[in-house]
């Protein structure tokens, strides 16, 4: 779609309407969610510094607990220390998951070229001769909008934290890393075949011990993936900065942090 055509304008209007409906759903979920009890319920994951120290030893017996910035003692935005730890725990789990997707995506983009058209106009996907960063630069504006809108939706839906089913936010005693189902969206807006988390319901029959073991694995894999994807980006942008990737890196002369700079504009 071209943003200068009536069809492009219609596409954007549809996006805005859907976002408006979504914001209404969040308000409805908050209005009809069960009132939380005055006594906080404990989370299924660590939410005190002592618990973090135990968890750190399980994650890495050699390094154990390492917090040079004393974040585990902080109180962000005037919230309690427990709420702050809940925020930090959720942030680490979420960014680890995003990094795992990014790492796999980088590897796939570097080696696989999808044979079908990328757009309704018949344009093909960017060539694997380009680095993944350059491939992002090469895709149409409409494709960037679709990706950013989906990411924004998932972020907003995750912050709902299952309010429609009585679940508690991760900063108020809920479980960090928990992503709510799409039941509310599925029943009121549009059918969705699978949930983002555990789409096939495999975790329902897992024991608590197995779930705890898998959480440890996820945290470690997420930390490694964050190092891995940043290593790829550094190696592409600054040749020789990651010696182990010297034979793999694809030089990129653009700005990998462009979406976070003041002069960045999606329409350029």
Protein backbone atom coordinates (compact mmCIF):
# COMPACT_ATOMS: atom_id res chain seq x y z
CA UNK A 1 0.00 0.00 0.00
CA UNK A 2 1.13 3.52 -0.72
CA UNK A 3 0.44 6.10 2.00
CA UNK A 4 -0.30 8.75 -0.64
CA UNK A 5 -3.20 6.83 -2.20
CA UNK A 6 -6.82 6.68 -1.00
CA UNK A 7 -6.32 2.96 -0.39
CA UNK A 8 -3.37 3.71 1.86
CA UNK A 9 -5.45 6.24 3.80
CA UNK A 10 -8.21 3.67 4.21
CA UNK A 11 -5.68 1.18 5.53
CA UNK A 12 -4.52 3.66 8.16
CA UNK A 13 -8.06 4.52 9.16
CA UNK A 14 -8.72 0.82 9.76
CA UNK A 15 -5.61 0.61 11.94
CA UNK A 16 -6.69 3.63 14.00
CA UNK A 17 -10.20 2.20 14.43
CA UNK A 18 -8.83 -1.11 15.67
CA UNK A 19 -6.51 0.64 18.11
CA UNK A 20 -9.45 2.68 19.39
CA UNK A 21 -11.45 -0.52 19.93
CA UNK A 22 -8.47 -2.05 21.71
CA UNK A 23 -8.13 0.91 24.09
CA UNK A 24 -11.84 0.56 24.90
CA UNK A 25 -11.31 -3.08 25.75
CA UNK A 26 -8.52 -2.21 28.17
CA UNK A 27 -10.79 0.27 29.91
CA UNK A 28 -13.54 -2.34 30.10
CA UNK A 29 -11.18 -4.93 31.47
CA UNK A 30 -10.01 -2.56 34.19
CA UNK A 31 -13.59 -1.59 35.07
CA UNK A 32 -14.91 -5.13 35.46
CA UNK A 33 -11.82 -6.81 36.86
CA UNK A 34 -12.29 -8.24 40.37
CA UNK A 35 -11.14 -5.94 43.14
CA UNK A 36 -7.75 -6.97 44.47
CA UNK A 37 -7.61 -7.86 48.17
CA UNK A 38 -5.86 -5.42 50.50
CA UNK A 39 -3.33 -8.06 51.52
CA UNK A 40 -0.86 -8.74 48.71
CA UNK A 41 -0.62 -12.30 47.51
CA UNK A 42 2.90 -13.66 46.97
CA UNK A 43 4.12 -14.15 43.44
CA UNK A 44 5.10 -17.50 42.00
CA UNK A 45 8.53 -16.01 41.22
CA UNK A 46 11.04 -14.11 43.36
CA UNK A 47 10.13 -10.61 44.49
CA UNK A 48 12.56 -9.86 47.31
CA UNK A 49 16.32 -9.37 47.25
CA UNK A 50 16.80 -12.57 49.26
CA UNK A 51 14.81 -14.51 46.67
CA UNK A 52 16.86 -12.94 43.88
CA UNK A 53 20.05 -14.11 45.55
CA UNK A 54 18.73 -17.68 45.65
CA UNK A 55 17.57 -17.46 42.03
CA UNK A 56 20.94 -16.02 40.92
CA UNK A 57 22.79 -18.98 42.41
CA UNK A 58 20.55 -21.34 40.44
CA UNK A 59 21.06 -19.37 37.22
CA UNK A 60 24.85 -19.15 37.49
CA UNK A 61 26.58 -20.92 40.40
CA UNK A 62 29.88 -19.20 39.53
CA UNK A 63 28.76 -15.55 39.33
CA UNK A 64 25.76 -15.88 41.66
CA UNK A 65 24.14 -12.58 42.70
CA UNK A 66 25.68 -9.57 40.94
CA UNK A 67 23.98 -6.20 41.25
CA UNK A 68 26.59 -3.39 41.03
CA UNK A 69 23.89 -0.71 40.59
CA UNK A 70 21.90 -1.92 43.62
CA UNK A 71 18.74 -2.13 41.53
CA UNK A 72 17.39 -4.82 43.85
CA UNK A 73 17.14 -2.18 46.57
CA UNK A 74 15.58 0.53 44.41
CA UNK A 75 12.05 1.89 44.52
CA UNK A 76 11.10 3.11 41.04
CA UNK A 77 8.44 5.82 40.60
CA UNK A 78 7.76 5.88 44.34
CA UNK A 79 6.59 2.25 44.28
CA UNK A 80 7.68 -0.32 46.84
CA UNK A 81 10.87 -2.34 46.54
CA UNK A 82 8.83 -5.47 45.84
CA UNK A 83 7.00 -3.71 43.00
CA UNK A 84 10.32 -2.52 41.58
CA UNK A 85 11.76 -6.02 41.68
CA UNK A 86 8.61 -7.28 39.96
CA UNK A 87 9.15 -4.69 37.21
CA UNK A 88 12.82 -5.61 36.79
CA UNK A 89 12.07 -9.34 36.75
CA UNK A 90 9.36 -8.89 34.14
CA UNK A 91 11.61 -6.64 32.05
CA UNK A 92 14.41 -9.20 32.02
CA UNK A 93 12.12 -12.07 31.05
CA UNK A 94 10.42 -10.03 28.31
CA UNK A 95 13.65 -8.67 26.83
CA UNK A 96 15.16 -12.14 26.94
CA UNK A 97 12.24 -13.50 24.94
CA UNK A 98 12.48 -10.65 22.42
CA UNK A 99 16.23 -11.24 22.09
CA UNK A 100 15.69 -14.94 21.41
CA UNK A 101 13.25 -14.05 18.61
CA UNK A 102 15.71 -11.45 17.30
CA UNK A 103 18.67 -13.84 17.34
CA UNK A 104 16.78 -16.54 15.45
CA UNK A 105 15.34 -13.94 13.09
CA UNK A 106 18.80 -12.55 12.34
CA UNK A 107 20.08 -16.02 11.46
CA UNK A 108 17.06 -16.77 9.26
CA UNK A 109 17.17 -13.40 7.49
CA UNK A 110 20.86 -13.87 6.74
CA UNK A 111 20.31 -17.21 5.02
CA UNK A 112 16.71 -17.63 3.85
CA UNK A 113 14.91 -15.70 1.12
CA UNK A 114 11.16 -16.30 1.09
CA UNK A 115 10.02 -17.20 -2.46
CA UNK A 116 6.53 -15.69 -2.27
CA UNK A 117 5.75 -11.97 -2.81
CA UNK A 118 6.09 -9.65 0.19
CA UNK A 119 3.49 -7.13 -0.98
CA UNK A 120 0.21 -7.21 -2.88
CA UNK A 121 2.04 -5.39 -5.68
CA UNK A 122 4.26 -8.44 -6.12
CA UNK A 123 7.47 -7.03 -4.62
CA UNK A 124 9.84 -9.72 -3.36
CA UNK A 125 11.50 -9.84 0.04
CA UNK A 126 14.91 -8.11 0.33
CA UNK A 127 17.85 -10.21 -0.83
CA UNK A 128 19.99 -12.14 1.66
CA UNK A 129 22.94 -10.29 0.09
CA UNK A 130 21.84 -7.45 2.38
CA UNK A 131 22.43 -7.57 6.13
CA UNK A 132 19.32 -7.96 8.30
CA UNK A 133 19.66 -4.29 9.27
CA UNK A 134 19.76 -3.26 5.60
CA UNK A 135 16.79 -5.52 4.91
CA UNK A 136 14.76 -3.53 7.45
CA UNK A 137 15.75 -0.33 5.65
CA UNK A 138 14.65 -1.86 2.34
CA UNK A 139 11.13 -2.96 3.23
CA UNK A 140 8.19 -0.65 2.36
CA UNK A 141 6.73 1.87 4.77
CA UNK A 142 3.50 -0.15 5.07
CA UNK A 143 5.46 -3.22 6.17
CA UNK A 144 7.22 -1.22 8.88
CA UNK A 145 3.84 0.07 10.11
CA UNK A 146 2.39 -3.44 10.26
CA UNK A 147 5.34 -4.69 12.32
CA UNK A 148 5.27 -1.72 14.71
CA UNK A 149 1.49 -1.92 15.18
CA UNK A 150 1.67 -5.64 16.03
CA UNK A 151 4.52 -5.02 18.50
CA UNK A 152 2.55 -2.17 20.11
CA UNK A 153 -0.53 -4.35 20.40
CA UNK A 154 1.43 -7.16 22.09
CA UNK A 155 3.02 -4.67 24.49
CA UNK A 156 -0.34 -3.16 25.44
CA UNK A 157 -1.98 -6.55 25.75
CA UNK A 158 0.84 -7.80 27.96
CA UNK A 159 0.39 -4.85 30.30
CA UNK A 160 -3.23 -5.87 30.71
CA UNK A 161 -1.73 -8.81 32.62
CA UNK A 162 -4.92 -10.86 32.42
CA UNK A 163 -7.14 -8.33 34.23
CA UNK A 164 -10.18 -9.82 32.49
CA UNK A 165 -9.53 -13.15 34.23
CA UNK A 166 -8.67 -11.71 37.64
CA UNK A 167 -4.88 -12.01 37.32
CA UNK A 168 -2.70 -9.48 39.10
CA UNK A 169 -0.19 -7.10 37.51
CA UNK A 170 3.45 -8.09 37.98
CA UNK A 171 4.12 -4.92 40.01
CA UNK A 172 1.24 -5.68 42.36
CA UNK A 173 2.03 -9.24 43.34
CA UNK A 174 1.44 -10.94 40.00
CA UNK A 175 3.83 -13.28 38.27
CA UNK A 176 6.61 -11.61 36.25
CA UNK A 177 6.80 -12.88 32.69
CA UNK A 178 3.17 -13.94 32.55
CA UNK A 179 1.54 -13.06 29.22
CA UNK A 180 -2.28 -13.12 29.22
CA UNK A 181 -4.33 -15.15 26.80
CA UNK A 182 -6.14 -13.57 23.86
CA UNK A 183 -9.55 -14.73 25.10
CA UNK A 184 -10.91 -11.21 25.61
CA UNK A 185 -9.73 -10.11 22.16
CA UNK A 186 -10.88 -13.39 20.62
CA UNK A 187 -14.38 -13.07 22.05
CA UNK A 188 -14.95 -9.38 21.39
CA UNK A 189 -12.87 -8.22 18.41
CA UNK A 190 -11.52 -10.90 16.10
CA UNK A 191 -10.81 -14.65 16.18
CA UNK A 192 -7.26 -15.60 17.14
CA UNK A 193 -6.27 -19.24 16.62
CA UNK A 194 -3.55 -19.44 19.28
CA UNK A 195 -2.33 -17.69 22.40
CA UNK A 196 1.15 -16.17 22.28
CA UNK A 197 2.24 -18.08 25.37
CA UNK A 198 1.94 -21.86 25.25
CA UNK A 199 -0.29 -21.94 22.12
CA UNK A 200 -0.79 -25.70 22.34
CA UNK A 201 -1.40 -25.89 26.10
CA UNK A 202 1.63 -28.07 26.79
CA UNK A 203 2.37 -26.47 30.17
CA UNK A 204 -0.96 -27.45 31.72
CA UNK A 205 0.24 -30.94 32.60
CA UNK A 206 3.72 -29.89 33.76
CA UNK A 207 4.72 -30.28 37.37
CA UNK A 208 5.77 -27.24 39.39
CA UNK A 209 9.34 -28.56 39.50
CA UNK A 210 9.53 -28.86 35.71
CA UNK A 211 8.10 -25.37 35.24
CA UNK A 212 10.71 -23.98 37.63
CA UNK A 213 13.49 -25.76 35.74
CA UNK A 214 12.22 -24.43 32.42
CA UNK A 215 12.07 -20.90 33.84
CA UNK A 216 15.76 -21.14 34.77
CA UNK A 217 16.53 -22.34 31.25
CA UNK A 218 14.50 -19.50 29.72
CA UNK A 219 16.29 -16.85 31.79
CA UNK A 220 19.73 -18.17 30.87
CA UNK A 221 18.83 -18.55 27.20
CA UNK A 222 17.39 -15.03 27.19
CA UNK A 223 20.55 -13.56 28.70
CA UNK A 224 22.70 -15.38 26.15
CA UNK A 225 20.44 -14.24 23.30
CA UNK A 226 20.73 -10.60 24.41
CA UNK A 227 24.51 -10.89 24.25
CA UNK A 228 24.27 -12.70 20.92
CA UNK A 229 22.03 -10.24 19.06
CA UNK A 230 23.98 -7.22 20.33
CA UNK A 231 27.16 -9.00 19.25
CA UNK A 232 25.77 -9.37 15.72
CA UNK A 233 24.76 -5.70 15.57
CA UNK A 234 28.12 -4.53 16.89
CA UNK A 235 30.05 -6.75 14.47
CA UNK A 236 28.04 -5.45 11.49
CA UNK A 237 28.34 -1.80 12.47
CA UNK A 238 31.95 -1.77 13.73
CA UNK A 239 34.13 -4.23 11.78
CA UNK A 240 36.46 -6.17 14.03
CA UNK A 241 34.63 -5.23 17.25
CA UNK A 242 33.63 -8.87 17.78
CA UNK A 243 36.59 -10.99 16.58
CA UNK A 244 34.62 -14.24 16.81
CA UNK A 245 32.18 -12.90 14.19
CA UNK A 246 34.71 -11.41 11.80
CA UNK A 247 34.02 -14.05 9.15
CA UNK A 248 30.23 -13.85 9.58
CA UNK A 249 29.44 -10.16 10.00
CA UNK A 250 27.87 -8.26 7.11
CA UNK A 251 29.03 -4.61 7.09
CA UNK A 252 26.23 -2.09 7.60
CA UNK A 253 26.76 1.64 7.09
CA UNK A 254 23.36 2.72 8.43
CA UNK A 255 22.33 3.53 11.99
CA UNK A 256 21.22 0.44 13.92
CA UNK A 257 19.74 2.69 16.62
CA UNK A 258 17.86 4.90 14.15
CA UNK A 259 14.42 4.36 15.73
CA UNK A 260 15.78 5.90 18.94
CA UNK A 261 17.39 9.04 17.54
CA UNK A 262 15.75 12.47 17.38
CA UNK A 263 16.07 12.80 13.59
CA UNK A 264 14.53 9.40 12.82
CA UNK A 265 11.30 9.49 10.84
CA UNK A 266 9.42 6.44 9.61
CA UNK A 267 8.45 8.12 6.36
CA UNK A 268 12.02 8.88 5.27
